[in-house]
Amino acid sequence: MTSLETAARSILSNSIRAVGTPPNEYIYPASCSEGLVDTTTTLLAARALAKTGRSDLAWSFVKTVFSAQGSNGFLPRYLYLNFTDEYNTFTGAPWVEFMGSYPGPKLFPARPAGYLPQAGSEDSEGSRMKIHSSNTLSAPPSHATAVLDIFFLSNQTSTDVDNLLRFFHKLQRWHGFLHRQTAPNCTLNAEDEHKENPPCLLVKHPWETEVELTSPIWQHSLGNATFDMVESGWFPSFEIPGAVKNAYNYPDETAYNTALYLLDCLAKRSGDEQQHTDSRYRSSCPFAMVDVGFTALFAKSSQDLRRIQQILLDKHEFGIVKRETSWHEVTEAQEWVTRSGKMLHGLYSDAGGTYFNQIVNLTARDGSNGFESNHTAAIEIPDASSFGGLWGQIANETVIESVTQQLLQRSGSYSFNCGDFPLWSIGDCESLPSASIYPLLNYRVSRGLRYSKEVGLGHFFTTSTLDLMCGGSNSIESNYTCQTVGFASAFNATTGLALGSEECGLESTLTAAIALDMLIPDKPFKYASTPPISNSSVIFLIAVEMIIALGVGVACVVLSVHLMRRASADEEGDAFLELRQQVDAEEEEDLLVQTQDDSPRVDFAGWTRDLLSKLNPMNLIDGGGGQEETDLQTR
């Protein structure tokens, strides 16, 4: 194990906390933010821990993320956990505006009714466990991808299958919310997929994306909101702490105040913050944008949700999962895949050869408060966040080739390969921009390249990012035995040094999770549509085999006894036969001897004389005198 992997494991293990009874396990994003659950950090940490064999802990993290799901299916970006025990001892997130550089629960007032968890959850009246959230501020939709990855990285036991089924229901509600409420009337024509009426899959605040506030995208897209804030004379009622101002992602006072102004606007008008008609998008607040990274995460998650459904359908067919899936759910999931893929493709510019975010050109509604629009415009700014589109598992080879070429360019306004390490956050190498390198963006790009079969380039991004964390030179042959280890959330693109203050420490849990994920190879993500053998089936097969083996054994014993008796009988028969033959031989010999003793002896000489005497003519004349003479002579 390399020193980099050891350090990453140490940070993750030291960042795990549990709140409440039974415990809600989570992992905090930084040392000064206990009680805060950031969805992106938690899901990536869960994936990394599943690689180390702790899928049980990974499922527990996912459970915590879904504990704040609204009854309408909504999932928030941030969760705030706090617990008061029977001794009135408080643990978890305090009621403050900021937790280090992260927003605190006090910035988000009570949620609207539809965004509250369903009845019976831990966040209910009278419960000691309280779960606050970021109100209507949405999480980046990477949940289905995380759930499927954890299942593939686990041992796929019956418990893992149960978790897959459990979260599949919740994921269906989440994706249903995104399709039906975030972009309900979004349509894409087959002839021209770039026309959207009204705009698709909108984000209504910068914190719903993974694009840092320092990006030049926000200077362009937040113009209307900044103007509205200044015109209304709005100013935050609390002081922004030094931990926020010294953070790597603090833009300037005006831009940050604009973000806070949008939060306040959404909180006050959460009941009607966005509405759709047949032809226009309406909002109560002066900002809406179609984000490339958000849309790519949604497209990939839609594909993975369909894969989860297929796995569960197979297991239901073989009796492993007891659940009926309607044909409507199957066709709906496939429609979501097609629709989200078109949303992402609609952000691709053929002329620019890359993806662009699109700003919704909101205008004030006549005669009423609020804004409306049915038109978007591409934000053609050379920002590296556009490469987040690679995460969407692109199938178009022309798009892949065009986007990857820009990754390697060292000249031109859309060049990003400007220094020793990729990926510079701002393009145009010739002007030497003041750029940063974000491990999260590099991770998205490296895995996105692998999804698109660009394995070599994806590996280059992986090794370069790890070398940057290791504090060494960019080398393919690096063994990641580091002199100094840095798990910062951002690095200076020119010097390679960590960015940010030391108030919360420079050790980011998110960056440590990314490092561990990059260092440990994935298992082959394969699933065969065949019935797995359950425990009861295994026991039954073993019992049958034992019965068969016992029967064979008994048969062998009986056969052996029979053969032994047969052999003994054969030996006795052979002895009797020999004795009988001996007796018969002796009897035959005695009979032959006796026969010879009892037979009359024939006197051939006397018989001859008698015969000659009878034939003598004289004897015939005497009439038998010879006989008398003979008798006398004999006497």
Foldseek 3Di string as FASTA:
>chain_A
DFPLLVVLVVQQVVQWDFADVVTQIFGDFFQQAFQKHFPLLGLLLLLLVLLVAPLVSSLSSLVNQCLQAFQQLFGFRMKGKWFQDPVRDIDTFDCDQDRQQHGGLVLADDAPRRRGHDPPGQCDPPHRIHMGGLHRQGAQQQSLVSLLSSCLSHPVALVNLVSLVVVLVSVVSNLCCQQCPQPPQWDADPVGLLATFAAHRKHQAPVNDPDFLQDCVLVPQLVVLLVVCVVVVDDDPDDDDPSNVQFPRNHDDSSVRSRSSSSVQCNVPVVPQWDDDNGKIWGLGDWMKAFLLSLLSQLQSLVSSLVSVVLLVLQVVVVSDVDDDDPVNNVVSVVSNVVSVSSNVSQADPVVLFGFMKIFPWDADPPDGTTMGRDIDTPPFLFLSRLLNLSNLDPDPSSVVSSVVQACDCADQNHQNQDQADGWGHGGNPVPDFTKHFLVSLLSNLVSCVSNVVPVVSLLSLQRLLCLQQVHGRDPPDPSNHPHGFQARMAGPHPSHHGGDCPRHRHTSSSSSSNSPSVRDRDPSDDDSDHDQHPVNVVVVVVVVVVVVVVVVVVVVVVVVVVVVVVVVVVVVVVVVVVVVVVVVVVVVVVVVVVVVPDDDDDPVVVVVVVVVVVDVVCVVVVCPVVVVVVVVVD
